[in-house]
Amino acid sequence: VPGAKRDEIAGVLGSRVKVRVSAPPEGGRANAAICAVIASALGVKKSAVTVVSGHGSAEKLVRAEGVDREGILSALRL
């Protein structure tokens, strides 16, 4: 959700994670902010998290390197 008041992981929606970012959805700024929020939650560098698909969509597929599935689930409390 771009244009939010603050950057945060807002919760879980089914098998997806809802992320709010204050950055606007222009020039890839919201995607970069999403990657930064997820990287922070997972304890990895920002460069380890990338948007794989859905760059211009509200639903995105994100890849995180350096953390396994269990680490992701634990960090995001899924």
C-alpha atoms as a PDB file:
ATOM      1  CA  VAL A   1       0.000   0.000   0.000  1.00  0.00           C
ATOM      2  CA  PRO A   2       1.902   3.092  -1.189  1.00  0.00           C
ATOM      3  CA  GLY A   3       1.338   6.544   0.297  1.00  0.00           C
ATOM      4  CA  ALA A   4       0.786   5.271   3.847  1.00  0.00           C
ATOM      5  CA  LYS A   5       1.628   7.319   6.939  1.00  0.00           C
ATOM      6  CA  ARG A   6       4.529   5.010   7.853  1.00  0.00           C
ATOM      7  CA  ASP A   7       6.486   2.023   6.567  1.00  0.00           C
ATOM      8  CA  GLU A   8       5.359  -1.242   8.179  1.00  0.00           C
ATOM      9  CA  ILE A   9       4.276  -4.799   7.714  1.00  0.00           C
ATOM     10  CA  ALA A  10       0.563  -4.424   8.323  1.00  0.00           C
ATOM     11  CA  GLY A  11      -0.340  -8.088   8.651  1.00  0.00           C
ATOM     12  CA  VAL A  12      -1.174 -11.274   6.856  1.00  0.00           C
ATOM     13  CA  LEU A  13      -3.902 -11.694   4.263  1.00  0.00           C
ATOM     14  CA  GLY A  14      -4.241 -15.413   3.568  1.00  0.00           C
ATOM     15  CA  SER A  15      -0.843 -16.516   2.259  1.00  0.00           C
ATOM     16  CA  ARG A  16       0.244 -12.935   1.534  1.00  0.00           C
ATOM     17  CA  VAL A  17       1.839 -10.208   3.615  1.00  0.00           C
ATOM     18  CA  LYS A  18       0.439  -6.682   3.536  1.00  0.00           C
ATOM     19  CA  VAL A  19       3.140  -4.001   3.525  1.00  0.00           C
ATOM     20  CA  ARG A  20       2.456  -0.285   3.883  1.00  0.00           C
ATOM     21  CA  VAL A  21       5.022   2.246   2.684  1.00  0.00           C
ATOM     22  CA  SER A  22       5.042   6.024   2.685  1.00  0.00           C
ATOM     23  CA  ALA A  23       6.784   6.238  -0.707  1.00  0.00           C
ATOM     24  CA  PRO A  24       4.685   7.094  -3.765  1.00  0.00           C
ATOM     25  CA  PRO A  25       4.192   4.473  -6.489  1.00  0.00           C
ATOM     26  CA  GLU A  26       6.274   6.453  -8.961  1.00  0.00           C
ATOM     27  CA  GLY A  27       9.684   5.642 -10.363  1.00  0.00           C
ATOM     28  CA  GLY A  28       9.944   2.389  -8.425  1.00  0.00           C
ATOM     29  CA  ARG A  29      10.127   4.203  -5.090  1.00  0.00           C
ATOM     30  CA  ALA A  30       7.331   2.183  -3.471  1.00  0.00           C
ATOM     31  CA  ASN A  31       8.891  -1.096  -4.640  1.00  0.00           C
ATOM     32  CA  ALA A  32      12.259  -0.071  -3.179  1.00  0.00           C
ATOM     33  CA  ALA A  33      10.554   0.863   0.099  1.00  0.00           C
ATOM     34  CA  ILE A  34       8.752  -2.495   0.210  1.00  0.00           C
ATOM     35  CA  CYS A  35      12.072  -4.282  -0.236  1.00  0.00           C
ATOM     36  CA  ALA A  36      13.606  -2.190   2.562  1.00  0.00           C
ATOM     37  CA  VAL A  37      10.752  -2.950   4.988  1.00  0.00           C
ATOM     38  CA  ILE A  38      10.915  -6.676   4.267  1.00  0.00           C
ATOM     39  CA  ALA A  39      14.732  -6.717   4.479  1.00  0.00           C
ATOM     40  CA  SER A  40      14.600  -5.007   7.860  1.00  0.00           C
ATOM     41  CA  ALA A  41      12.041  -7.512   9.172  1.00  0.00           C
ATOM     42  CA  LEU A  42      14.161 -10.432   7.940  1.00  0.00           C
ATOM     43  CA  GLY A  43      17.449  -9.005   9.169  1.00  0.00           C
ATOM     44  CA  VAL A  44      19.111  -8.992   5.740  1.00  0.00           C
ATOM     45  CA  LYS A  45      20.595  -6.257   3.540  1.00  0.00           C
ATOM     46  CA  LYS A  46      18.205  -4.258   1.348  1.00  0.00           C
ATOM     47  CA  SER A  47      20.006  -5.602  -1.725  1.00  0.00           C
ATOM     48  CA  ALA A  48      19.042  -9.168  -0.706  1.00  0.00           C
ATOM     49  CA  VAL A  49      15.335  -8.454  -1.294  1.00  0.00           C
ATOM     50  CA  THR A  50      14.010  -7.888  -4.815  1.00  0.00           C
ATOM     51  CA  VAL A  51      10.640  -7.646  -6.501  1.00  0.00           C
ATOM     52  CA  VAL A  52      10.486 -10.567  -8.951  1.00  0.00           C
ATOM     53  CA  SER A  53       7.115  -9.828 -10.515  1.00  0.00           C
ATOM     54  CA  GLY A  54       4.251  -7.391 -10.133  1.00  0.00           C
ATOM     55  CA  HIS A  55       6.375  -4.256 -10.366  1.00  0.00           C
ATOM     56  CA  GLY A  56       3.372  -2.127 -11.353  1.00  0.00           C
ATOM     57  CA  SER A  57       0.766  -4.143  -9.485  1.00  0.00           C
ATOM     58  CA  ALA A  58      -0.545  -4.092  -5.932  1.00  0.00           C
ATOM     59  CA  GLU A  59       0.326  -7.804  -5.626  1.00  0.00           C
ATOM     60  CA  LYS A  60       4.014  -8.591  -5.915  1.00  0.00           C
ATOM     61  CA  LEU A  61       6.262 -11.615  -5.735  1.00  0.00           C
ATOM     62  CA  VAL A  62       9.353 -10.806  -3.685  1.00  0.00           C
ATOM     63  CA  ARG A  63      12.560 -12.833  -3.377  1.00  0.00           C
ATOM     64  CA  ALA A  64      14.714 -12.702  -0.245  1.00  0.00           C
ATOM     65  CA  GLU A  65      18.228 -14.135  -0.402  1.00  0.00           C
ATOM     66  CA  GLY A  66      20.110 -15.372   2.640  1.00  0.00           C
ATOM     67  CA  VAL A  67      17.098 -16.558   4.598  1.00  0.00           C
ATOM     68  CA  ASP A  68      15.177 -19.827   4.372  1.00  0.00           C
ATOM     69  CA  ARG A  69      11.419 -20.369   4.411  1.00  0.00           C
ATOM     70  CA  GLU A  70      11.338 -21.047   8.166  1.00  0.00           C
ATOM     71  CA  GLY A  71      13.309 -17.872   8.837  1.00  0.00           C
ATOM     72  CA  ILE A  72      10.847 -15.867   6.768  1.00  0.00           C
ATOM     73  CA  LEU A  73       7.817 -17.373   8.480  1.00  0.00           C
ATOM     74  CA  SER A  74       9.350 -16.784  11.899  1.00  0.00           C
ATOM     75  CA  ALA A  75      10.436 -13.203  11.199  1.00  0.00           C
ATOM     76  CA  LEU A  76       7.100 -12.224   9.703  1.00  0.00           C
ATOM     77  CA  ARG A  77       5.194 -14.270  12.314  1.00  0.00           C
ATOM     78  CA  LEU A  78       3.230 -16.256   9.731  1.00  0.00           C
END
